[in-house]
Amino acid sequence: MNLTISGHHLEVTPALRNYVTSKLDRITRHFDQVVDVRVLLTVEKQKEKQRRQRAECNVHVRGSDLFAQSAHADLYAAVDELVDKLDRQVVRHKDRLQTHQHEAPKRLM
């Protein structure tokens, strides 16, 4: 899995990088066919402080691309919310990939 963490108007510190990496391990625990993950952490210049910190993530898995974004007053809370959204998407994608067809029962005569 290739992991790219970048910041926009923000310096990505090692503590922040470790936090994001540890949270994204939950996604690979549920689905091991993740190819590429790109995380963008942004601090927007808004007058209101309520939704200023934003986290976005693109996850490339075999078969499709998943995208989620989250905004919050605290960057760590935005990352938590982002990982929750991605986890639901990955579980739904994994469920769609599994075959749900059963073999027809054999008739005995």
Protein backbone atom coordinates (compact mmCIF):
# COMPACT_ATOMS: atom_id res chain seq x y z
CA MET A 1 0.00 0.00 0.00
CA ASN A 2 1.39 3.37 -1.04
CA LEU A 3 0.54 6.11 1.44
CA THR A 4 0.90 9.81 0.62
CA ILE A 5 0.11 12.40 3.28
CA SER A 6 0.32 16.05 2.26
CA GLY A 7 -0.74 19.33 3.80
CA HIS A 8 -2.16 22.50 2.30
CA HIS A 9 -1.45 25.64 4.37
CA LEU A 10 -0.22 23.20 6.99
CA GLU A 11 3.02 21.46 7.91
CA VAL A 12 2.54 17.73 8.41
CA THR A 13 4.37 16.93 11.63
CA PRO A 14 5.63 13.44 12.45
CA ALA A 15 3.02 13.13 15.22
CA LEU A 16 0.23 13.97 12.78
CA ARG A 17 1.68 11.56 10.21
CA ASN A 18 1.80 8.75 12.80
CA TYR A 19 -1.78 9.49 13.88
CA VAL A 20 -3.11 9.30 10.32
CA THR A 21 -1.10 6.14 9.61
CA SER A 22 -2.37 4.40 12.73
CA LYS A 23 -5.98 5.32 11.89
CA LEU A 24 -5.65 4.09 8.29
CA ASP A 25 -4.50 0.68 9.54
CA ARG A 26 -8.16 0.03 10.33
CA ILE A 27 -8.97 0.16 6.62
CA THR A 28 -6.26 -2.32 5.67
CA ARG A 29 -7.46 -4.60 8.47
CA HIS A 30 -10.87 -4.86 6.80
CA PHE A 31 -9.70 -4.99 3.18
CA ASP A 32 -6.17 -5.99 2.23
CA GLN A 33 -6.34 -5.14 -1.49
CA VAL A 34 -5.75 -1.41 -1.05
CA VAL A 35 -3.33 -0.18 -3.72
CA ASP A 36 -2.88 3.53 -3.06
CA VAL A 37 -3.99 6.03 -0.40
CA ARG A 38 -3.67 9.81 -0.73
CA VAL A 39 -4.52 12.01 2.25
CA LEU A 40 -4.76 15.80 2.02
CA LEU A 41 -4.95 17.82 5.24
CA THR A 42 -6.03 21.44 4.83
CA VAL A 43 -6.46 24.48 7.02
CA GLU A 44 -8.87 26.85 5.32
CA LYS A 45 -8.83 30.57 5.91
CA GLN A 46 -12.37 31.18 7.06
CA LYS A 47 -13.57 33.68 9.60
CA GLU A 48 -15.63 31.08 11.38
CA LYS A 49 -13.53 28.52 13.22
CA GLN A 50 -16.17 25.81 13.27
CA ARG A 51 -15.32 23.89 10.07
CA ARG A 52 -11.87 25.23 9.35
CA GLN A 53 -9.79 22.02 9.48
CA ARG A 54 -10.45 19.66 6.57
CA ALA A 55 -9.23 16.16 5.73
CA GLU A 56 -9.70 14.46 2.34
CA CYS A 57 -8.71 11.00 1.25
CA ASN A 58 -8.60 9.11 -2.06
CA VAL A 59 -8.31 5.35 -1.74
CA HIS A 60 -7.55 3.30 -4.85
CA VAL A 61 -8.63 -0.30 -4.40
CA ARG A 62 -8.84 -3.04 -6.95
CA GLY A 63 -11.88 -2.25 -9.01
CA SER A 64 -12.70 1.31 -7.99
CA ASP A 65 -11.67 4.53 -6.30
CA LEU A 66 -13.14 5.65 -2.99
CA PHE A 67 -13.25 9.29 -1.84
CA ALA A 68 -14.21 10.83 1.48
CA GLN A 69 -13.81 14.22 3.09
CA SER A 70 -14.47 15.65 6.50
CA ALA A 71 -14.34 19.10 8.08
CA HIS A 72 -14.17 19.92 11.78
CA ALA A 73 -12.82 22.51 14.18
CA ASP A 74 -10.09 20.07 15.30
CA LEU A 75 -7.88 18.34 12.72
CA TYR A 76 -7.64 15.12 14.73
CA ALA A 77 -11.45 14.94 14.96
CA ALA A 78 -11.64 15.53 11.20
CA VAL A 79 -9.25 12.61 10.63
CA ASP A 80 -11.34 10.38 12.93
CA GLU A 81 -14.52 11.24 11.05
CA LEU A 82 -12.77 10.71 7.71
CA VAL A 83 -11.56 7.23 8.67
CA ASP A 84 -15.07 6.29 9.85
CA LYS A 85 -16.49 7.28 6.46
CA LEU A 86 -13.77 5.43 4.57
CA ASP A 87 -14.20 2.34 6.69
CA ARG A 88 -17.90 2.16 5.85
CA GLN A 89 -17.14 2.58 2.14
CA VAL A 90 -14.45 -0.11 2.17
CA VAL A 91 -16.69 -2.60 3.97
CA ARG A 92 -19.49 -1.89 1.47
CA HIS A 93 -17.05 -2.32 -1.45
CA LYS A 94 -15.78 -5.61 -0.04
CA ASP A 95 -19.34 -6.85 0.39
CA ARG A 96 -20.12 -6.02 -3.24
CA LEU A 97 -17.08 -7.95 -4.45
CA GLN A 98 -18.05 -11.14 -2.64
CA THR A 99 -20.28 -13.47 -4.56
CA HIS A 100 -23.65 -14.06 -2.97
CA GLN A 101 -24.83 -16.72 -5.36
CA HIS A 102 -25.38 -20.17 -3.98
CA GLU A 103 -25.30 -23.40 -5.85
CA ALA A 104 -28.74 -24.72 -6.65
CA PRO A 105 -29.75 -27.77 -4.62
CA LYS A 106 -29.65 -31.04 -6.49
CA ARG A 107 -32.95 -32.72 -7.01
CA LEU A 108 -33.19 -36.34 -6.06
CA MET A 109 -35.78 -38.43 -7.87
